[in-house]
Amino acid sequence: MLDERRVVAENAFVELVVWKFPKTVPGGAHRFKYRLAFVVNGQCVVRYDNETGKGDHRHAGKREMSYRFTTIESLLTDFWNDVDRRRL
């Protein structure tokens, strides 16, 4: 399990939560449940999650798009790349 909160700027933080289950999660194609969020000034500007009923997806501002989960490593890389683009 990963459960971490990192302050990345005076007005921003990242929250990383990942659980690994012994079996595939309901409605999913893998054994992970996750929520990765980048919050600036109290507003979530990037979020990756796989809530029940929606499957793997990501949020960029107010837009929601499906996300193709392959590995935890790729998920974290994709998330941090989105965070870096938003921080510029």
N, C-alpha and C. Protein backbone atom coordinates (compact mmCIF):
# COMPACT_ATOMS: atom_id res chain seq x y z
N MET A 1 0.85 -1.18 0.00
CA MET A 1 0.00 0.00 0.00
C MET A 1 0.88 1.23 0.00
N LEU A 2 0.46 2.23 -0.72
CA LEU A 2 1.12 3.53 -0.76
C LEU A 2 0.12 4.55 -0.27
N ASP A 3 0.50 5.34 0.70
CA ASP A 3 -0.36 6.41 1.21
C ASP A 3 0.56 7.54 1.61
N GLU A 4 0.65 8.53 0.74
CA GLU A 4 1.64 9.59 0.93
C GLU A 4 1.07 10.93 0.49
N ARG A 5 1.45 11.95 1.22
CA ARG A 5 1.10 13.33 0.85
C ARG A 5 2.38 14.13 0.80
N ARG A 6 2.61 14.79 -0.33
CA ARG A 6 3.84 15.58 -0.53
C ARG A 6 3.48 17.03 -0.84
N VAL A 7 4.06 17.92 -0.10
CA VAL A 7 3.91 19.34 -0.41
C VAL A 7 4.90 19.64 -1.53
N VAL A 8 4.41 20.16 -2.65
CA VAL A 8 5.26 20.42 -3.81
C VAL A 8 5.46 21.91 -4.07
N ALA A 9 4.71 22.73 -3.37
CA ALA A 9 4.84 24.19 -3.45
C ALA A 9 4.09 24.76 -2.25
N GLU A 10 4.27 26.03 -2.01
CA GLU A 10 3.59 26.67 -0.88
C GLU A 10 2.08 26.49 -0.94
N ASN A 11 1.55 26.46 -2.16
CA ASN A 11 0.09 26.39 -2.34
C ASN A 11 -0.38 25.08 -2.98
N ALA A 12 0.49 24.06 -2.99
CA ALA A 12 0.14 22.83 -3.72
C ALA A 12 0.68 21.58 -3.03
N PHE A 13 -0.08 20.49 -3.19
CA PHE A 13 0.38 19.20 -2.67
C PHE A 13 -0.08 18.09 -3.59
N VAL A 14 0.56 16.95 -3.44
CA VAL A 14 0.21 15.73 -4.18
C VAL A 14 -0.17 14.68 -3.16
N GLU A 15 -1.24 13.96 -3.44
CA GLU A 15 -1.67 12.84 -2.60
C GLU A 15 -1.63 11.58 -3.44
N LEU A 16 -0.92 10.56 -2.94
CA LEU A 16 -0.76 9.29 -3.65
C LEU A 16 -1.31 8.17 -2.77
N VAL A 17 -2.34 7.50 -3.21
CA VAL A 17 -2.93 6.38 -2.47
C VAL A 17 -3.11 5.22 -3.44
N VAL A 18 -2.48 4.08 -3.11
CA VAL A 18 -2.60 2.88 -3.94
C VAL A 18 -2.76 1.68 -3.01
N TRP A 19 -3.76 0.86 -3.28
CA TRP A 19 -3.96 -0.39 -2.55
C TRP A 19 -3.82 -1.53 -3.53
N LYS A 20 -3.20 -2.63 -3.09
CA LYS A 20 -3.12 -3.84 -3.90
C LYS A 20 -3.96 -4.92 -3.22
N PHE A 21 -4.86 -5.52 -3.98
CA PHE A 21 -5.76 -6.53 -3.45
C PHE A 21 -5.34 -7.91 -3.94
N PRO A 22 -5.72 -8.97 -3.23
CA PRO A 22 -5.35 -10.31 -3.65
C PRO A 22 -6.03 -10.76 -4.93
N LYS A 23 -7.18 -10.15 -5.25
CA LYS A 23 -7.91 -10.49 -6.47
C LYS A 23 -8.24 -9.22 -7.24
N THR A 24 -8.66 -9.38 -8.48
CA THR A 24 -9.08 -8.23 -9.29
C THR A 24 -10.17 -7.45 -8.57
N VAL A 25 -10.07 -6.13 -8.60
CA VAL A 25 -11.09 -5.30 -7.93
C VAL A 25 -12.39 -5.36 -8.74
N PRO A 26 -13.54 -5.28 -8.07
CA PRO A 26 -14.83 -5.33 -8.77
C PRO A 26 -14.91 -4.28 -9.89
N GLY A 27 -15.29 -4.72 -11.07
CA GLY A 27 -15.44 -3.82 -12.21
C GLY A 27 -14.13 -3.45 -12.87
N GLY A 28 -13.02 -4.02 -12.42
CA GLY A 28 -11.72 -3.68 -12.97
C GLY A 28 -11.04 -4.84 -13.67
N ALA A 29 -9.86 -4.57 -14.20
CA ALA A 29 -9.11 -5.59 -14.92
C ALA A 29 -7.77 -5.88 -14.23
N HIS A 30 -7.59 -5.34 -13.02
CA HIS A 30 -6.35 -5.54 -12.29
C HIS A 30 -6.63 -5.52 -10.79
N ARG A 31 -5.59 -5.71 -9.99
CA ARG A 31 -5.76 -5.86 -8.54
C ARG A 31 -5.50 -4.56 -7.76
N PHE A 32 -5.47 -3.42 -8.42
CA PHE A 32 -5.13 -2.17 -7.75
C PHE A 32 -6.33 -1.23 -7.65
N LYS A 33 -6.41 -0.54 -6.56
CA LYS A 33 -7.36 0.55 -6.35
C LYS A 33 -6.48 1.76 -6.06
N TYR A 34 -6.71 2.87 -6.73
CA TYR A 34 -5.80 4.01 -6.56
C TYR A 34 -6.52 5.35 -6.67
N ARG A 35 -5.86 6.33 -6.08
CA ARG A 35 -6.29 7.74 -6.18
C ARG A 35 -5.02 8.58 -6.10
N LEU A 36 -4.71 9.27 -7.18
CA LEU A 36 -3.55 10.16 -7.24
C LEU A 36 -4.07 11.54 -7.56
N ALA A 37 -3.71 12.52 -6.76
CA ALA A 37 -4.28 13.86 -6.95
C ALA A 37 -3.21 14.93 -6.79
N PHE A 38 -3.32 15.97 -7.61
CA PHE A 38 -2.48 17.16 -7.52
C PHE A 38 -3.44 18.32 -7.24
N VAL A 39 -3.26 18.96 -6.09
CA VAL A 39 -4.17 20.01 -5.63
C VAL A 39 -3.41 21.33 -5.51
N VAL A 40 -3.96 22.37 -6.13
CA VAL A 40 -3.36 23.71 -6.10
C VAL A 40 -4.41 24.69 -5.60
N ASN A 41 -4.06 25.47 -4.60
CA ASN A 41 -4.98 26.45 -4.03
C ASN A 41 -6.33 25.83 -3.68
N GLY A 42 -6.29 24.61 -3.17
CA GLY A 42 -7.51 23.94 -2.74
C GLY A 42 -8.33 23.31 -3.86
N GLN A 43 -7.86 23.41 -5.11
CA GLN A 43 -8.58 22.85 -6.25
C GLN A 43 -7.79 21.68 -6.83
N CYS A 44 -8.46 20.57 -7.07
CA CYS A 44 -7.82 19.42 -7.70
C CYS A 44 -7.66 19.71 -9.19
N VAL A 45 -6.42 19.76 -9.66
CA VAL A 45 -6.19 20.08 -11.07
C VAL A 45 -5.81 18.86 -11.90
N VAL A 46 -5.31 17.80 -11.24
CA VAL A 46 -5.03 16.53 -11.91
C VAL A 46 -5.41 15.42 -10.94
N ARG A 47 -6.14 14.41 -11.44
CA ARG A 47 -6.46 13.26 -10.60
C ARG A 47 -6.58 12.01 -11.47
N TYR A 48 -5.99 10.95 -11.00
CA TYR A 48 -6.12 9.63 -11.61
C TYR A 48 -6.79 8.75 -10.57
N ASP A 49 -7.83 8.02 -10.97
CA ASP A 49 -8.47 7.11 -10.03
C ASP A 49 -9.25 6.05 -10.79
N ASN A 50 -9.74 5.07 -10.04
CA ASN A 50 -10.53 4.00 -10.66
C ASN A 50 -11.71 3.66 -9.75
N GLU A 51 -12.58 4.64 -9.58
CA GLU A 51 -13.74 4.41 -8.74
C GLU A 51 -14.66 3.37 -9.36
N THR A 52 -15.33 2.65 -8.49
CA THR A 52 -16.24 1.59 -8.93
C THR A 52 -17.30 2.15 -9.88
N GLY A 53 -17.50 1.45 -10.98
CA GLY A 53 -18.50 1.88 -11.96
C GLY A 53 -17.93 2.72 -13.08
N LYS A 54 -16.76 3.33 -12.87
CA LYS A 54 -16.15 4.16 -13.91
C LYS A 54 -14.89 3.54 -14.47
N GLY A 55 -14.25 2.68 -13.71
CA GLY A 55 -12.99 2.09 -14.17
C GLY A 55 -11.86 3.09 -14.11
N ASP A 56 -10.77 2.77 -14.78
CA ASP A 56 -9.58 3.63 -14.78
C ASP A 56 -9.86 4.89 -15.59
N HIS A 57 -9.58 6.05 -14.98
CA HIS A 57 -9.76 7.31 -15.69
C HIS A 57 -8.91 8.39 -15.03
N ARG A 58 -8.82 9.52 -15.73
CA ARG A 58 -8.06 10.66 -15.22
C ARG A 58 -8.86 11.93 -15.41
N HIS A 59 -8.54 12.88 -14.57
CA HIS A 59 -9.17 14.20 -14.63
C HIS A 59 -8.07 15.23 -14.85
N ALA A 60 -8.32 16.15 -15.75
CA ALA A 60 -7.43 17.29 -15.98
C ALA A 60 -8.32 18.51 -15.94
N GLY A 61 -8.25 19.23 -14.82
CA GLY A 61 -9.19 20.32 -14.62
C GLY A 61 -10.59 19.74 -14.53
N LYS A 62 -11.50 20.23 -15.36
CA LYS A 62 -12.88 19.74 -15.33
C LYS A 62 -13.12 18.61 -16.33
N ARG A 63 -12.11 18.27 -17.13
CA ARG A 63 -12.25 17.20 -18.13
C ARG A 63 -11.97 15.84 -17.51
N GLU A 64 -12.76 14.85 -17.87
CA GLU A 64 -12.55 13.48 -17.43
C GLU A 64 -12.35 12.60 -18.67
N MET A 65 -11.28 11.79 -18.66
CA MET A 65 -10.94 10.95 -19.79
C MET A 65 -10.63 9.54 -19.29
N SER A 66 -10.90 8.54 -20.10
CA SER A 66 -10.53 7.19 -19.70
C SER A 66 -9.00 7.09 -19.68
N TYR A 67 -8.50 6.14 -18.90
CA TYR A 67 -7.06 5.93 -18.78
C TYR A 67 -6.79 4.45 -18.96
N ARG A 68 -5.79 4.12 -19.74
CA ARG A 68 -5.42 2.72 -19.97
C ARG A 68 -4.35 2.32 -18.96
N PHE A 69 -4.77 1.63 -17.93
CA PHE A 69 -3.85 1.17 -16.89
C PHE A 69 -3.04 -0.01 -17.42
N THR A 70 -1.71 0.03 -17.23
CA THR A 70 -0.86 -1.11 -17.59
C THR A 70 -0.09 -1.60 -16.36
N THR A 71 0.63 -0.69 -15.69
CA THR A 71 1.39 -1.04 -14.49
C THR A 71 1.35 0.14 -13.52
N ILE A 72 1.65 -0.13 -12.27
CA ILE A 72 1.73 0.95 -11.28
C ILE A 72 2.84 1.93 -11.66
N GLU A 73 3.96 1.41 -12.14
CA GLU A 73 5.07 2.28 -12.54
C GLU A 73 4.65 3.25 -13.64
N SER A 74 3.95 2.74 -14.64
CA SER A 74 3.46 3.61 -15.73
C SER A 74 2.43 4.60 -15.23
N LEU A 75 1.56 4.16 -14.34
CA LEU A 75 0.55 5.05 -13.76
C LEU A 75 1.24 6.22 -13.06
N LEU A 76 2.22 5.93 -12.22
CA LEU A 76 2.92 6.99 -11.49
C LEU A 76 3.68 7.91 -12.44
N THR A 77 4.31 7.35 -13.46
CA THR A 77 5.03 8.16 -14.45
C THR A 77 4.06 9.09 -15.18
N ASP A 78 2.93 8.55 -15.64
CA ASP A 78 1.94 9.37 -16.35
C ASP A 78 1.41 10.48 -15.45
N PHE A 79 1.12 10.14 -14.20
CA PHE A 79 0.61 11.13 -13.26
C PHE A 79 1.63 12.25 -13.05
N TRP A 80 2.89 11.89 -12.74
CA TRP A 80 3.92 12.92 -12.50
C TRP A 80 4.18 13.76 -13.74
N ASN A 81 4.08 13.16 -14.94
CA ASN A 81 4.22 13.96 -16.17
C ASN A 81 3.11 14.99 -16.28
N ASP A 82 1.87 14.60 -15.95
CA ASP A 82 0.76 15.56 -15.96
C ASP A 82 0.97 16.65 -14.91
N VAL A 83 1.44 16.27 -13.73
CA VAL A 83 1.72 17.27 -12.68
C VAL A 83 2.77 18.25 -13.17
N ASP A 84 3.85 17.73 -13.74
CA ASP A 84 4.91 18.62 -14.23
C ASP A 84 4.40 19.58 -15.29
N ARG A 85 3.54 19.11 -16.20
CA ARG A 85 2.98 20.00 -17.24
C ARG A 85 2.12 21.10 -16.61
N ARG A 86 1.38 20.78 -15.55
CA ARG A 86 0.51 21.76 -14.89
C ARG A 86 1.30 22.75 -14.04
N ARG A 87 2.49 22.36 -13.60
CA ARG A 87 3.29 23.22 -12.74
C ARG A 87 4.07 24.26 -13.52
N LEU A 88 4.22 24.07 -14.84
CA LEU A 88 5.01 25.00 -15.65
C LEU A 88 4.34 26.34 -15.82
